[in-house]
Amino acid sequence: MSFNAFAPEGPIITRLKSHVALVAATQGIYNTISPDDTLLEPGDKPYVVVTHISGTFENTTFRTNIASSLYQVSVYANRQDGDDDAKTIIGYIFGDSEGTDNAPTYGLARWKMTGVTDMASATMVPESYGTAHDAERLHYWMTFSIENVEA
């Protein structure tokens, strides 16, 4: 088996799609781009896009492969619909991790990713958050990092 720096992408999408309330609150959860027929007209549900922003191999040693990645999770909503739904969704994405030793039951913050082929267990680390609203749509985003170490 060969090392795959992009291996976390599938499990991240699967983790988000496993949260029933998150799925029900959105048009969809997509990897990198939303389908061409995804619209944000007034009354449409928001949608979520997960994007791999950057990665480095700077921690790679001659003993094992290590890929550090940064993912951005974005929520897009129609501005006319207000921000309540988008803020609820961004809360689901962050999840229910609290305290110092809480294993979240949903969301990405502090989620321990296991069972990925040729990848050791890894924890999603919340890094930053912000907005990029424009005249027609709301755009809330959060970034999460993960260190993918070869198993």
N, C-alpha and C. Protein backbone atom coordinates (compact mmCIF):
# COMPACT_ATOMS: atom_id res chain seq x y z
N MET A 1 0.84 -1.17 0.00
CA MET A 1 0.00 0.00 0.00
C MET A 1 0.88 1.23 0.00
N SER A 2 0.51 2.24 -0.75
CA SER A 2 1.31 3.46 -0.77
C SER A 2 0.64 4.53 0.08
N PHE A 3 1.46 5.40 0.63
CA PHE A 3 1.01 6.48 1.49
C PHE A 3 0.18 7.47 0.68
N ASN A 4 -0.95 7.94 1.25
CA ASN A 4 -1.83 8.87 0.56
C ASN A 4 -2.07 10.09 1.45
N ALA A 5 -1.51 11.22 1.07
CA ALA A 5 -1.66 12.44 1.86
C ALA A 5 -3.10 12.94 1.90
N PHE A 6 -3.90 12.55 0.91
CA PHE A 6 -5.29 13.01 0.83
C PHE A 6 -6.28 12.01 1.45
N ALA A 7 -5.80 10.98 2.09
CA ALA A 7 -6.66 9.94 2.67
C ALA A 7 -7.71 10.48 3.65
N PRO A 8 -7.46 11.54 4.42
CA PRO A 8 -8.48 12.02 5.36
C PRO A 8 -9.74 12.60 4.72
N GLU A 9 -9.69 13.00 3.46
CA GLU A 9 -10.84 13.68 2.85
C GLU A 9 -12.13 12.86 2.92
N GLY A 10 -12.08 11.61 2.53
CA GLY A 10 -13.27 10.76 2.55
C GLY A 10 -13.87 10.62 3.94
N PRO A 11 -13.05 10.26 4.94
CA PRO A 11 -13.58 10.15 6.30
C PRO A 11 -14.15 11.46 6.86
N ILE A 12 -13.59 12.60 6.48
CA ILE A 12 -14.13 13.89 6.94
C ILE A 12 -15.55 14.07 6.40
N ILE A 13 -15.73 13.84 5.11
CA ILE A 13 -17.05 13.97 4.51
C ILE A 13 -18.02 12.97 5.14
N THR A 14 -17.58 11.73 5.32
CA THR A 14 -18.42 10.70 5.93
C THR A 14 -18.82 11.09 7.35
N ARG A 15 -17.88 11.63 8.11
CA ARG A 15 -18.17 12.06 9.49
C ARG A 15 -19.26 13.13 9.49
N LEU A 16 -19.14 14.12 8.62
CA LEU A 16 -20.16 15.17 8.57
C LEU A 16 -21.51 14.62 8.11
N LYS A 17 -21.50 13.73 7.14
CA LYS A 17 -22.76 13.17 6.63
C LYS A 17 -23.41 12.20 7.62
N SER A 18 -22.69 11.77 8.64
CA SER A 18 -23.26 10.86 9.63
C SER A 18 -24.11 11.59 10.68
N HIS A 19 -24.05 12.92 10.71
CA HIS A 19 -24.81 13.69 11.68
C HIS A 19 -26.18 14.00 11.06
N VAL A 20 -27.21 13.35 11.53
CA VAL A 20 -28.56 13.43 10.95
C VAL A 20 -29.08 14.86 10.90
N ALA A 21 -28.93 15.61 11.98
CA ALA A 21 -29.44 16.99 12.01
C ALA A 21 -28.69 17.88 11.03
N LEU A 22 -27.39 17.66 10.87
CA LEU A 22 -26.60 18.44 9.91
C LEU A 22 -27.06 18.16 8.49
N VAL A 23 -27.25 16.89 8.16
CA VAL A 23 -27.70 16.52 6.82
C VAL A 23 -29.09 17.11 6.55
N ALA A 24 -29.98 17.03 7.52
CA ALA A 24 -31.34 17.54 7.35
C ALA A 24 -31.37 19.06 7.18
N ALA A 25 -30.39 19.76 7.74
CA ALA A 25 -30.38 21.22 7.69
C ALA A 25 -29.73 21.78 6.42
N THR A 26 -29.17 20.91 5.58
CA THR A 26 -28.43 21.38 4.41
C THR A 26 -28.96 20.79 3.11
N GLN A 27 -28.58 21.45 2.01
CA GLN A 27 -28.82 20.89 0.67
C GLN A 27 -27.88 19.73 0.40
N GLY A 28 -26.71 19.78 1.02
CA GLY A 28 -25.71 18.74 0.81
C GLY A 28 -24.39 19.13 1.44
N ILE A 29 -23.51 18.13 1.53
CA ILE A 29 -22.16 18.30 2.06
C ILE A 29 -21.23 17.79 0.96
N TYR A 30 -20.37 18.67 0.45
CA TYR A 30 -19.60 18.35 -0.75
C TYR A 30 -18.11 18.47 -0.49
N ASN A 31 -17.34 17.73 -1.28
CA ASN A 31 -15.89 17.77 -1.24
C ASN A 31 -15.40 18.69 -2.35
N THR A 32 -14.78 19.77 -2.02
CA THR A 32 -14.13 20.74 -2.90
C THR A 32 -15.08 21.66 -3.64
N ILE A 33 -16.06 21.15 -4.36
CA ILE A 33 -17.00 22.01 -5.07
C ILE A 33 -18.41 21.44 -4.94
N SER A 34 -19.38 22.33 -5.03
CA SER A 34 -20.77 21.87 -5.02
C SER A 34 -21.19 21.62 -6.47
N PRO A 35 -22.18 20.76 -6.68
CA PRO A 35 -22.66 20.50 -8.04
C PRO A 35 -23.20 21.77 -8.70
N ASP A 36 -23.18 21.79 -10.02
CA ASP A 36 -23.64 22.96 -10.78
C ASP A 36 -25.09 23.32 -10.47
N ASP A 37 -25.91 22.34 -10.10
CA ASP A 37 -27.33 22.63 -9.86
C ASP A 37 -27.62 23.05 -8.41
N THR A 38 -26.58 23.30 -7.60
CA THR A 38 -26.76 23.77 -6.23
C THR A 38 -27.03 25.26 -6.28
N LEU A 39 -28.19 25.67 -5.79
CA LEU A 39 -28.60 27.07 -5.82
C LEU A 39 -28.72 27.64 -4.42
N LEU A 40 -28.65 28.94 -4.33
CA LEU A 40 -28.86 29.62 -3.05
C LEU A 40 -29.88 30.73 -3.25
N GLU A 41 -31.06 30.35 -3.67
CA GLU A 41 -32.16 31.29 -3.80
C GLU A 41 -32.79 31.49 -2.42
N PRO A 42 -33.52 32.58 -2.21
CA PRO A 42 -34.22 32.74 -0.93
C PRO A 42 -35.08 31.51 -0.63
N GLY A 43 -34.94 31.00 0.57
CA GLY A 43 -35.69 29.81 0.99
C GLY A 43 -34.94 28.50 0.79
N ASP A 44 -33.84 28.50 0.03
CA ASP A 44 -33.04 27.28 -0.14
C ASP A 44 -32.23 27.02 1.13
N LYS A 45 -32.05 25.76 1.45
CA LYS A 45 -31.22 25.40 2.59
C LYS A 45 -29.76 25.75 2.29
N PRO A 46 -28.98 26.04 3.31
CA PRO A 46 -27.54 26.25 3.13
C PRO A 46 -26.87 24.95 2.66
N TYR A 47 -25.63 25.07 2.20
CA TYR A 47 -24.86 23.87 1.87
C TYR A 47 -23.44 24.01 2.41
N VAL A 48 -22.75 22.86 2.48
CA VAL A 48 -21.42 22.78 3.09
C VAL A 48 -20.42 22.29 2.05
N VAL A 49 -19.25 22.91 2.05
CA VAL A 49 -18.16 22.47 1.17
C VAL A 49 -16.89 22.30 2.00
N VAL A 50 -16.24 21.14 1.87
CA VAL A 50 -14.98 20.85 2.53
C VAL A 50 -13.87 20.95 1.48
N THR A 51 -12.85 21.75 1.77
CA THR A 51 -11.77 21.97 0.81
C THR A 51 -10.42 21.76 1.49
N HIS A 52 -9.55 21.00 0.82
CA HIS A 52 -8.17 20.86 1.29
C HIS A 52 -7.45 22.14 0.88
N ILE A 53 -7.02 22.94 1.86
CA ILE A 53 -6.41 24.24 1.59
C ILE A 53 -4.92 24.12 1.30
N SER A 54 -4.22 23.39 2.14
CA SER A 54 -2.78 23.25 1.95
C SER A 54 -2.27 22.05 2.72
N GLY A 55 -1.06 21.68 2.40
CA GLY A 55 -0.42 20.58 3.09
C GLY A 55 1.08 20.66 2.96
N THR A 56 1.77 20.05 3.91
CA THR A 56 3.23 20.01 3.86
C THR A 56 3.72 18.62 4.23
N PHE A 57 4.90 18.32 3.75
CA PHE A 57 5.59 17.09 4.14
C PHE A 57 6.79 17.44 5.02
N GLU A 58 6.80 18.63 5.60
CA GLU A 58 7.98 19.09 6.32
C GLU A 58 8.35 18.22 7.51
N ASN A 59 7.40 17.48 8.07
CA ASN A 59 7.71 16.62 9.21
C ASN A 59 8.13 15.21 8.80
N THR A 60 8.16 14.94 7.49
CA THR A 60 8.52 13.60 7.01
C THR A 60 9.95 13.27 7.42
N THR A 61 10.12 12.08 7.92
CA THR A 61 11.45 11.61 8.29
C THR A 61 11.86 10.50 7.35
N PHE A 62 13.03 9.99 7.53
CA PHE A 62 13.47 8.86 6.71
C PHE A 62 12.92 7.54 7.25
N ARG A 63 12.15 7.61 8.35
CA ARG A 63 11.54 6.41 8.90
C ARG A 63 10.09 6.25 8.48
N THR A 64 9.36 7.36 8.32
CA THR A 64 7.94 7.28 7.99
C THR A 64 7.49 8.53 7.26
N ASN A 65 6.38 8.44 6.56
CA ASN A 65 5.81 9.59 5.86
C ASN A 65 4.82 10.30 6.78
N ILE A 66 4.86 11.63 6.76
CA ILE A 66 3.95 12.45 7.54
C ILE A 66 3.48 13.59 6.65
N ALA A 67 2.17 13.77 6.58
CA ALA A 67 1.61 14.87 5.80
C ALA A 67 0.71 15.70 6.73
N SER A 68 1.04 16.96 6.89
CA SER A 68 0.23 17.87 7.69
C SER A 68 -0.69 18.63 6.73
N SER A 69 -2.00 18.56 6.99
CA SER A 69 -2.97 19.18 6.08
C SER A 69 -3.87 20.16 6.81
N LEU A 70 -4.33 21.16 6.05
CA LEU A 70 -5.29 22.13 6.54
C LEU A 70 -6.54 22.05 5.67
N TYR A 71 -7.68 21.84 6.31
CA TYR A 71 -8.96 21.75 5.61
C TYR A 71 -9.83 22.92 6.01
N GLN A 72 -10.54 23.47 5.04
CA GLN A 72 -11.53 24.52 5.32
C GLN A 72 -12.91 23.93 5.11
N VAL A 73 -13.79 24.16 6.08
CA VAL A 73 -15.19 23.74 5.96
C VAL A 73 -16.02 25.01 5.89
N SER A 74 -16.74 25.18 4.79
CA SER A 74 -17.52 26.39 4.53
C SER A 74 -19.00 26.10 4.54
N VAL A 75 -19.77 27.04 5.07
CA VAL A 75 -21.22 27.00 5.02
C VAL A 75 -21.67 28.21 4.21
N TYR A 76 -22.45 27.94 3.16
CA TYR A 76 -22.99 29.00 2.31
C TYR A 76 -24.50 29.06 2.47
N ALA A 77 -25.04 30.27 2.61
CA ALA A 77 -26.48 30.46 2.78
C ALA A 77 -26.90 31.74 2.06
N ASN A 78 -28.17 31.81 1.69
CA ASN A 78 -28.69 33.02 1.07
C ASN A 78 -28.83 34.09 2.14
N ARG A 79 -28.32 35.26 1.84
CA ARG A 79 -28.30 36.36 2.81
C ARG A 79 -29.72 36.76 3.24
N GLN A 80 -30.68 36.68 2.33
CA GLN A 80 -32.05 37.08 2.65
C GLN A 80 -32.70 36.17 3.69
N ASP A 81 -32.19 34.97 3.85
CA ASP A 81 -32.75 34.02 4.81
C ASP A 81 -32.25 34.24 6.23
N GLY A 82 -31.34 35.18 6.41
CA GLY A 82 -30.77 35.43 7.74
C GLY A 82 -29.66 34.45 8.05
N ASP A 83 -29.11 34.57 9.25
CA ASP A 83 -27.94 33.76 9.59
C ASP A 83 -28.17 32.64 10.59
N ASP A 84 -29.40 32.48 11.08
CA ASP A 84 -29.66 31.47 12.11
C ASP A 84 -29.32 30.06 11.64
N ASP A 85 -29.80 29.67 10.45
CA ASP A 85 -29.54 28.31 9.96
C ASP A 85 -28.05 28.07 9.74
N ALA A 86 -27.37 29.04 9.13
CA ALA A 86 -25.93 28.89 8.86
C ALA A 86 -25.15 28.75 10.16
N LYS A 87 -25.51 29.53 11.18
CA LYS A 87 -24.80 29.46 12.46
C LYS A 87 -25.08 28.14 13.18
N THR A 88 -26.28 27.61 13.04
CA THR A 88 -26.59 26.30 13.61
C THR A 88 -25.74 25.23 12.94
N ILE A 89 -25.64 25.29 11.63
CA ILE A 89 -24.87 24.30 10.87
C ILE A 89 -23.39 24.38 11.24
N ILE A 90 -22.84 25.58 11.35
CA ILE A 90 -21.42 25.71 11.71
C ILE A 90 -21.17 25.14 13.10
N GLY A 91 -22.18 25.23 13.98
CA GLY A 91 -22.06 24.61 15.30
C GLY A 91 -22.03 23.09 15.21
N TYR A 92 -22.86 22.52 14.33
CA TYR A 92 -22.83 21.07 14.13
C TYR A 92 -21.47 20.62 13.59
N ILE A 93 -20.90 21.41 12.70
CA ILE A 93 -19.61 21.06 12.11
C ILE A 93 -18.52 21.08 13.18
N PHE A 94 -18.51 22.10 14.04
CA PHE A 94 -17.54 22.14 15.13
C PHE A 94 -17.75 20.93 16.03
N GLY A 95 -18.99 20.69 16.43
CA GLY A 95 -19.31 19.50 17.22
C GLY A 95 -19.47 19.76 18.70
N ASP A 96 -19.53 18.66 19.44
CA ASP A 96 -19.82 18.73 20.86
C ASP A 96 -18.60 18.45 21.74
N SER A 97 -17.42 18.76 21.25
CA SER A 97 -16.22 18.59 22.05
C SER A 97 -16.13 19.72 23.06
N GLU A 98 -16.03 19.36 24.33
CA GLU A 98 -15.92 20.34 25.41
C GLU A 98 -14.90 19.84 26.42
N GLY A 99 -14.37 20.75 27.19
CA GLY A 99 -13.42 20.37 28.22
C GLY A 99 -12.09 19.94 27.64
N THR A 100 -11.33 19.18 28.41
CA THR A 100 -9.99 18.80 27.98
C THR A 100 -9.90 17.35 27.53
N ASP A 101 -10.87 16.53 27.88
CA ASP A 101 -10.75 15.11 27.53
C ASP A 101 -12.02 14.56 26.89
N ASN A 102 -12.84 15.42 26.33
CA ASN A 102 -14.09 15.00 25.74
C ASN A 102 -13.87 14.41 24.36
N ALA A 103 -14.39 13.23 24.13
CA ALA A 103 -14.39 12.62 22.79
C ALA A 103 -15.72 13.00 22.15
N PRO A 104 -15.70 13.84 21.11
CA PRO A 104 -16.96 14.31 20.55
C PRO A 104 -17.78 13.19 19.92
N THR A 105 -19.10 13.28 20.06
CA THR A 105 -19.98 12.30 19.43
C THR A 105 -20.35 12.74 18.02
N TYR A 106 -20.15 14.02 17.70
CA TYR A 106 -20.35 14.52 16.34
C TYR A 106 -19.45 15.73 16.14
N GLY A 107 -19.26 16.11 14.90
CA GLY A 107 -18.43 17.26 14.56
C GLY A 107 -16.97 16.90 14.37
N LEU A 108 -16.19 17.91 13.96
CA LEU A 108 -14.79 17.69 13.61
C LEU A 108 -13.80 18.08 14.70
N ALA A 109 -14.13 19.03 15.56
CA ALA A 109 -13.17 19.49 16.57
C ALA A 109 -12.82 18.37 17.53
N ARG A 110 -11.54 18.04 17.59
CA ARG A 110 -10.98 16.99 18.44
C ARG A 110 -11.43 15.58 18.08
N TRP A 111 -12.03 15.42 16.92
CA TRP A 111 -12.44 14.08 16.49
C TRP A 111 -11.19 13.26 16.18
N LYS A 112 -11.14 12.05 16.73
CA LYS A 112 -10.01 11.16 16.47
C LYS A 112 -10.38 10.25 15.30
N MET A 113 -9.71 10.48 14.18
CA MET A 113 -9.95 9.71 12.96
C MET A 113 -9.16 8.41 13.05
N THR A 114 -9.86 7.30 12.91
CA THR A 114 -9.23 5.99 12.96
C THR A 114 -9.70 5.16 11.77
N GLY A 115 -8.99 4.07 11.52
CA GLY A 115 -9.43 3.10 10.52
C GLY A 115 -9.18 3.49 9.07
N VAL A 116 -8.31 4.47 8.82
CA VAL A 116 -8.00 4.87 7.45
C VAL A 116 -6.80 4.05 6.98
N THR A 117 -6.91 3.46 5.82
CA THR A 117 -5.86 2.60 5.28
C THR A 117 -4.51 3.30 5.26
N ASP A 118 -3.50 2.66 5.82
CA ASP A 118 -2.11 3.12 5.85
C ASP A 118 -1.94 4.48 6.55
N MET A 119 -2.84 4.76 7.51
CA MET A 119 -2.75 6.00 8.27
C MET A 119 -2.98 5.71 9.75
N ALA A 120 -2.09 6.21 10.59
CA ALA A 120 -2.26 6.07 12.04
C ALA A 120 -3.43 6.93 12.50
N SER A 121 -3.93 6.68 13.69
CA SER A 121 -4.99 7.52 14.26
C SER A 121 -4.52 8.97 14.28
N ALA A 122 -5.45 9.88 14.01
CA ALA A 122 -5.10 11.30 13.97
C ALA A 122 -6.27 12.12 14.53
N THR A 123 -5.96 13.25 15.13
CA THR A 123 -6.98 14.10 15.72
C THR A 123 -7.13 15.37 14.91
N MET A 124 -8.40 15.74 14.61
CA MET A 124 -8.70 16.99 13.91
C MET A 124 -8.57 18.14 14.92
N VAL A 125 -7.80 19.14 14.56
CA VAL A 125 -7.54 20.27 15.45
C VAL A 125 -8.19 21.53 14.85
N PRO A 126 -9.11 22.18 15.58
CA PRO A 126 -9.67 23.43 15.07
C PRO A 126 -8.58 24.50 15.07
N GLU A 127 -8.47 25.24 13.97
CA GLU A 127 -7.40 26.22 13.83
C GLU A 127 -7.89 27.66 13.77
N SER A 128 -8.84 27.95 12.87
CA SER A 128 -9.29 29.33 12.71
C SER A 128 -10.71 29.35 12.16
N TYR A 129 -11.32 30.52 12.18
CA TYR A 129 -12.68 30.65 11.66
C TYR A 129 -12.89 32.08 11.21
N GLY A 130 -13.91 32.28 10.37
CA GLY A 130 -14.18 33.62 9.90
C GLY A 130 -15.37 33.65 8.96
N THR A 131 -15.52 34.79 8.31
CA THR A 131 -16.60 34.96 7.34
C THR A 131 -16.04 35.56 6.06
N ALA A 132 -16.76 35.33 4.97
CA ALA A 132 -16.43 35.93 3.67
C ALA A 132 -17.75 36.24 2.96
N HIS A 133 -18.63 36.96 3.64
CA HIS A 133 -19.95 37.27 3.10
C HIS A 133 -19.83 38.19 1.88
N ASP A 134 -20.80 38.10 0.99
CA ASP A 134 -20.90 39.06 -0.11
C ASP A 134 -22.34 39.57 -0.17
N ALA A 135 -22.69 40.29 -1.20
CA ALA A 135 -24.00 40.94 -1.28
C ALA A 135 -25.15 39.95 -1.32
N GLU A 136 -24.93 38.74 -1.84
CA GLU A 136 -26.02 37.77 -2.01
C GLU A 136 -25.98 36.59 -1.07
N ARG A 137 -24.79 36.26 -0.58
CA ARG A 137 -24.71 35.05 0.24
C ARG A 137 -23.85 35.26 1.48
N LEU A 138 -24.20 34.46 2.49
CA LEU A 138 -23.40 34.39 3.70
C LEU A 138 -22.40 33.26 3.53
N HIS A 139 -21.20 33.45 4.02
CA HIS A 139 -20.16 32.41 3.94
C HIS A 139 -19.43 32.39 5.28
N TYR A 140 -19.72 31.37 6.07
CA TYR A 140 -19.01 31.12 7.32
C TYR A 140 -18.02 29.99 7.07
N TRP A 141 -16.82 30.09 7.63
CA TRP A 141 -15.83 29.04 7.44
C TRP A 141 -15.04 28.78 8.72
N MET A 142 -14.54 27.55 8.81
CA MET A 142 -13.63 27.14 9.87
C MET A 142 -12.54 26.30 9.24
N THR A 143 -11.35 26.36 9.80
CA THR A 143 -10.27 25.47 9.33
C THR A 143 -9.91 24.48 10.43
N PHE A 144 -9.50 23.31 9.98
CA PHE A 144 -9.08 22.23 10.86
C PHE A 144 -7.80 21.64 10.30
N SER A 145 -6.86 21.32 11.16
CA SER A 145 -5.63 20.67 10.72
C SER A 145 -5.63 19.22 11.17
N ILE A 146 -4.85 18.44 10.46
CA ILE A 146 -4.68 17.04 10.82
C ILE A 146 -3.28 16.60 10.39
N GLU A 147 -2.67 15.78 11.19
CA GLU A 147 -1.36 15.23 10.85
C GLU A 147 -1.56 13.77 10.48
N ASN A 148 -1.36 13.49 9.21
CA ASN A 148 -1.53 12.14 8.66
C ASN A 148 -0.17 11.45 8.73
N VAL A 149 -0.05 10.51 9.65
CA VAL A 149 1.20 9.77 9.84
C VAL A 149 1.00 8.36 9.28
N GLU A 150 1.95 7.92 8.48
CA GLU A 150 1.88 6.59 7.88
C GLU A 150 1.84 5.52 8.98
N ALA A 151 0.93 4.58 8.80
CA ALA A 151 0.78 3.50 9.79
C ALA A 151 1.82 2.42 9.56
